[in-house]
Amino acid sequence: MSEFWNARFDTPEYIFGTAPNAFLATQAHRLRPGQRALAVADGEGRNGVWLAEQGLEVHAVEVAPNAIAKARRLATTRGVTLQIEEADLLTWDWRRPNSMWWPAFSFNSASRQNRRRSLPA
């Protein structure tokens, strides 16, 4: 799966743009500086960077190195920091300690089968 997404993000443009997911942006009133957010399948960083701009401590998880490089560039351009972990969500350990995060899922491009496999029961 990594090869597919890495090839998909191998372009200078931000294929999904740099603005956050529309639904996520409508939830800004729920967010408070200092809260923690988990940006799942964060791609080029549009959601993770936006959450960091809201003052959240962001841990982003993404499988594609090309997307991660673009997310880092976007964060630098916007003057925010976030922790980015390169990992396959199908094998990622969802039961981590200290995992009190606001989850930001953007699974609109994941197959239904992989969404079921990724989310814990």
C-alpha atoms as a PDB file:
ATOM      1  CA  MET A   1       0.000   0.000   0.000  1.00  0.00           C
ATOM      2  CA  SER A   2       2.889   2.358   0.746  1.00  0.00           C
ATOM      3  CA  GLU A   3       4.104   2.241  -2.862  1.00  0.00           C
ATOM      4  CA  PHE A   4       0.672   3.218  -4.197  1.00  0.00           C
ATOM      5  CA  TRP A   5       0.323   6.237  -1.904  1.00  0.00           C
ATOM      6  CA  ASN A   6       3.935   7.295  -2.274  1.00  0.00           C
ATOM      7  CA  ALA A   7       3.497   7.365  -6.065  1.00  0.00           C
ATOM      8  CA  ARG A   8       0.179   9.221  -5.688  1.00  0.00           C
ATOM      9  CA  PHE A   9       1.816  11.971  -3.616  1.00  0.00           C
ATOM     10  CA  ASP A  10       4.857  12.227  -5.920  1.00  0.00           C
ATOM     11  CA  THR A  11       3.822  15.559  -7.407  1.00  0.00           C
ATOM     12  CA  PRO A  12       4.691  19.142  -6.450  1.00  0.00           C
ATOM     13  CA  GLU A  13       1.006  20.050  -6.001  1.00  0.00           C
ATOM     14  CA  TYR A  14      -0.974  19.274  -2.866  1.00  0.00           C
ATOM     15  CA  ILE A  15      -3.461  16.858  -4.420  1.00  0.00           C
ATOM     16  CA  PHE A  16      -6.119  17.438  -1.745  1.00  0.00           C
ATOM     17  CA  GLY A  17      -5.182  21.093  -1.221  1.00  0.00           C
ATOM     18  CA  THR A  18      -3.839  22.708   1.935  1.00  0.00           C
ATOM     19  CA  ALA A  19      -7.139  23.628   3.611  1.00  0.00           C
ATOM     20  CA  PRO A  20      -8.467  21.205   6.235  1.00  0.00           C
ATOM     21  CA  ASN A  21     -11.258  18.744   5.584  1.00  0.00           C
ATOM     22  CA  ALA A  22     -14.510  20.773   5.540  1.00  0.00           C
ATOM     23  CA  PHE A  23     -16.116  18.774   8.357  1.00  0.00           C
ATOM     24  CA  LEU A  24     -13.019  19.065  10.530  1.00  0.00           C
ATOM     25  CA  ALA A  25     -13.030  22.852  10.124  1.00  0.00           C
ATOM     26  CA  THR A  26     -16.641  22.991  11.360  1.00  0.00           C
ATOM     27  CA  GLN A  27     -15.479  21.392  14.628  1.00  0.00           C
ATOM     28  CA  ALA A  28     -13.071  24.225  15.549  1.00  0.00           C
ATOM     29  CA  HIS A  29     -15.350  25.317  18.407  1.00  0.00           C
ATOM     30  CA  ARG A  30     -14.660  21.984  20.160  1.00  0.00           C
ATOM     31  CA  LEU A  31     -10.895  22.409  20.127  1.00  0.00           C
ATOM     32  CA  ARG A  32      -8.780  24.069  22.826  1.00  0.00           C
ATOM     33  CA  PRO A  33      -5.093  24.945  22.744  1.00  0.00           C
ATOM     34  CA  GLY A  34      -3.047  22.268  24.474  1.00  0.00           C
ATOM     35  CA  GLN A  35      -5.359  19.395  23.557  1.00  0.00           C
ATOM     36  CA  ARG A  36      -3.839  16.453  21.692  1.00  0.00           C
ATOM     37  CA  ALA A  37      -4.920  15.359  18.224  1.00  0.00           C
ATOM     38  CA  LEU A  38      -4.249  12.201  16.255  1.00  0.00           C
ATOM     39  CA  ALA A  39      -4.284  12.929  12.518  1.00  0.00           C
ATOM     40  CA  VAL A  40      -4.874   9.523  10.943  1.00  0.00           C
ATOM     41  CA  ALA A  41      -3.741   8.967   7.329  1.00  0.00           C
ATOM     42  CA  ASP A  42      -2.815  12.649   7.296  1.00  0.00           C
ATOM     43  CA  GLY A  43      -1.396  12.594   3.787  1.00  0.00           C
ATOM     44  CA  GLU A  44       0.163  15.921   2.878  1.00  0.00           C
ATOM     45  CA  GLY A  45      -0.652  17.366   6.298  1.00  0.00           C
ATOM     46  CA  ARG A  46      -3.634  19.599   5.622  1.00  0.00           C
ATOM     47  CA  ASN A  47      -5.565  18.369   8.678  1.00  0.00           C
ATOM     48  CA  GLY A  48      -2.621  17.945  11.018  1.00  0.00           C
ATOM     49  CA  VAL A  49      -1.197  21.366  10.193  1.00  0.00           C
ATOM     50  CA  TRP A  50      -4.595  23.020  10.647  1.00  0.00           C
ATOM     51  CA  LEU A  51      -5.014  21.325  14.032  1.00  0.00           C
ATOM     52  CA  ALA A  52      -1.564  22.577  15.059  1.00  0.00           C
ATOM     53  CA  GLU A  53      -2.596  26.072  13.953  1.00  0.00           C
ATOM     54  CA  GLN A  54      -5.498  25.776  16.404  1.00  0.00           C
ATOM     55  CA  GLY A  55      -2.946  25.208  19.172  1.00  0.00           C
ATOM     56  CA  LEU A  56      -3.261  21.432  19.460  1.00  0.00           C
ATOM     57  CA  GLU A  57      -0.378  19.033  19.990  1.00  0.00           C
ATOM     58  CA  VAL A  58      -0.595  16.890  16.849  1.00  0.00           C
ATOM     59  CA  HIS A  59       0.612  13.363  16.203  1.00  0.00           C
ATOM     60  CA  ALA A  60       0.130  12.546  12.513  1.00  0.00           C
ATOM     61  CA  VAL A  61       0.376   9.042  11.072  1.00  0.00           C
ATOM     62  CA  GLU A  62       1.006   8.523   7.359  1.00  0.00           C
ATOM     63  CA  VAL A  63       2.375   5.684   5.235  1.00  0.00           C
ATOM     64  CA  ALA A  64       3.830   7.643   2.283  1.00  0.00           C
ATOM     65  CA  PRO A  65       7.246   9.328   2.626  1.00  0.00           C
ATOM     66  CA  ASN A  66       6.432  11.754  -0.233  1.00  0.00           C
ATOM     67  CA  ALA A  67       3.315  12.907   1.616  1.00  0.00           C
ATOM     68  CA  ILE A  68       5.260  13.245   4.871  1.00  0.00           C
ATOM     69  CA  ALA A  69       7.834  15.488   3.171  1.00  0.00           C
ATOM     70  CA  LYS A  70       5.035  17.722   1.889  1.00  0.00           C
ATOM     71  CA  ALA A  71       3.387  17.788   5.329  1.00  0.00           C
ATOM     72  CA  ARG A  72       6.665  18.922   6.891  1.00  0.00           C
ATOM     73  CA  ARG A  73       6.997  21.672   4.251  1.00  0.00           C
ATOM     74  CA  LEU A  74       3.429  22.830   4.871  1.00  0.00           C
ATOM     75  CA  ALA A  75       4.008  22.927   8.635  1.00  0.00           C
ATOM     76  CA  THR A  76       7.215  24.934   8.173  1.00  0.00           C
ATOM     77  CA  THR A  77       5.485  27.361   5.810  1.00  0.00           C
ATOM     78  CA  ARG A  78       2.675  27.867   8.318  1.00  0.00           C
ATOM     79  CA  GLY A  79       5.026  28.139  11.295  1.00  0.00           C
ATOM     80  CA  VAL A  80       3.713  25.157  13.276  1.00  0.00           C
ATOM     81  CA  THR A  81       5.135  21.868  14.439  1.00  0.00           C
ATOM     82  CA  LEU A  82       3.643  18.418  14.549  1.00  0.00           C
ATOM     83  CA  GLN A  83       4.992  14.963  15.203  1.00  0.00           C
ATOM     84  CA  ILE A  84       4.744  12.797  12.093  1.00  0.00           C
ATOM     85  CA  GLU A  85       5.096   9.038  12.250  1.00  0.00           C
ATOM     86  CA  GLU A  86       5.595   6.943   9.122  1.00  0.00           C
ATOM     87  CA  ALA A  87       3.471   3.829   9.635  1.00  0.00           C
ATOM     88  CA  ASP A  88       0.975   1.529   7.940  1.00  0.00           C
ATOM     89  CA  LEU A  89      -2.344   1.943   9.736  1.00  0.00           C
ATOM     90  CA  LEU A  90      -3.250  -1.683   9.042  1.00  0.00           C
ATOM     91  CA  THR A  91      -0.490  -2.765  11.427  1.00  0.00           C
ATOM     92  CA  TRP A  92      -0.201   0.335  13.647  1.00  0.00           C
ATOM     93  CA  ASP A  93      -0.669  -0.206  17.397  1.00  0.00           C
ATOM     94  CA  TRP A  94      -3.900   1.638  18.225  1.00  0.00           C
ATOM     95  CA  ARG A  95      -3.627   0.797  21.952  1.00  0.00           C
ATOM     96  CA  ARG A  96      -0.722   3.096  22.751  1.00  0.00           C
ATOM     97  CA  PRO A  97      -0.363   4.503  26.245  1.00  0.00           C
ATOM     98  CA  ASN A  98      -1.294   8.148  26.757  1.00  0.00           C
ATOM     99  CA  SER A  99      -3.525   8.049  23.718  1.00  0.00           C
ATOM    100  CA  MET A 100      -6.067  10.656  24.793  1.00  0.00           C
ATOM    101  CA  TRP A 101      -6.365  12.314  21.389  1.00  0.00           C
ATOM    102  CA  TRP A 102      -9.027  14.037  19.379  1.00  0.00           C
ATOM    103  CA  PRO A 103      -9.010  11.758  16.320  1.00  0.00           C
ATOM    104  CA  ALA A 104      -9.027  13.396  12.896  1.00  0.00           C
ATOM    105  CA  PHE A 105      -9.865  10.685  10.369  1.00  0.00           C
ATOM    106  CA  SER A 106      -9.785  11.265   6.659  1.00  0.00           C
ATOM    107  CA  PHE A 107     -10.551   7.813   5.313  1.00  0.00           C
ATOM    108  CA  ASN A 108     -12.481   8.988   2.277  1.00  0.00           C
ATOM    109  CA  SER A 109      -9.825   7.437   0.048  1.00  0.00           C
ATOM    110  CA  ALA A 110      -9.374   4.162   1.940  1.00  0.00           C
ATOM    111  CA  SER A 111     -11.242   1.101   0.766  1.00  0.00           C
ATOM    112  CA  ARG A 112     -14.133  -0.110   2.911  1.00  0.00           C
ATOM    113  CA  GLN A 113     -12.250  -3.361   3.612  1.00  0.00           C
ATOM    114  CA  ASN A 114      -9.140  -1.505   4.819  1.00  0.00           C
ATOM    115  CA  ARG A 115     -11.217   0.876   6.968  1.00  0.00           C
ATOM    116  CA  ARG A 116     -12.695  -2.123   8.776  1.00  0.00           C
ATOM    117  CA  ARG A 117      -9.259  -3.698   9.205  1.00  0.00           C
ATOM    118  CA  SER A 118      -7.712  -0.446  10.489  1.00  0.00           C
ATOM    119  CA  LEU A 119     -10.179   0.525  13.178  1.00  0.00           C
ATOM    120  CA  PRO A 120     -10.053  -1.340  16.491  1.00  0.00           C
ATOM    121  CA  ALA A 121     -13.037  -3.389  17.547  1.00  0.00           C
END
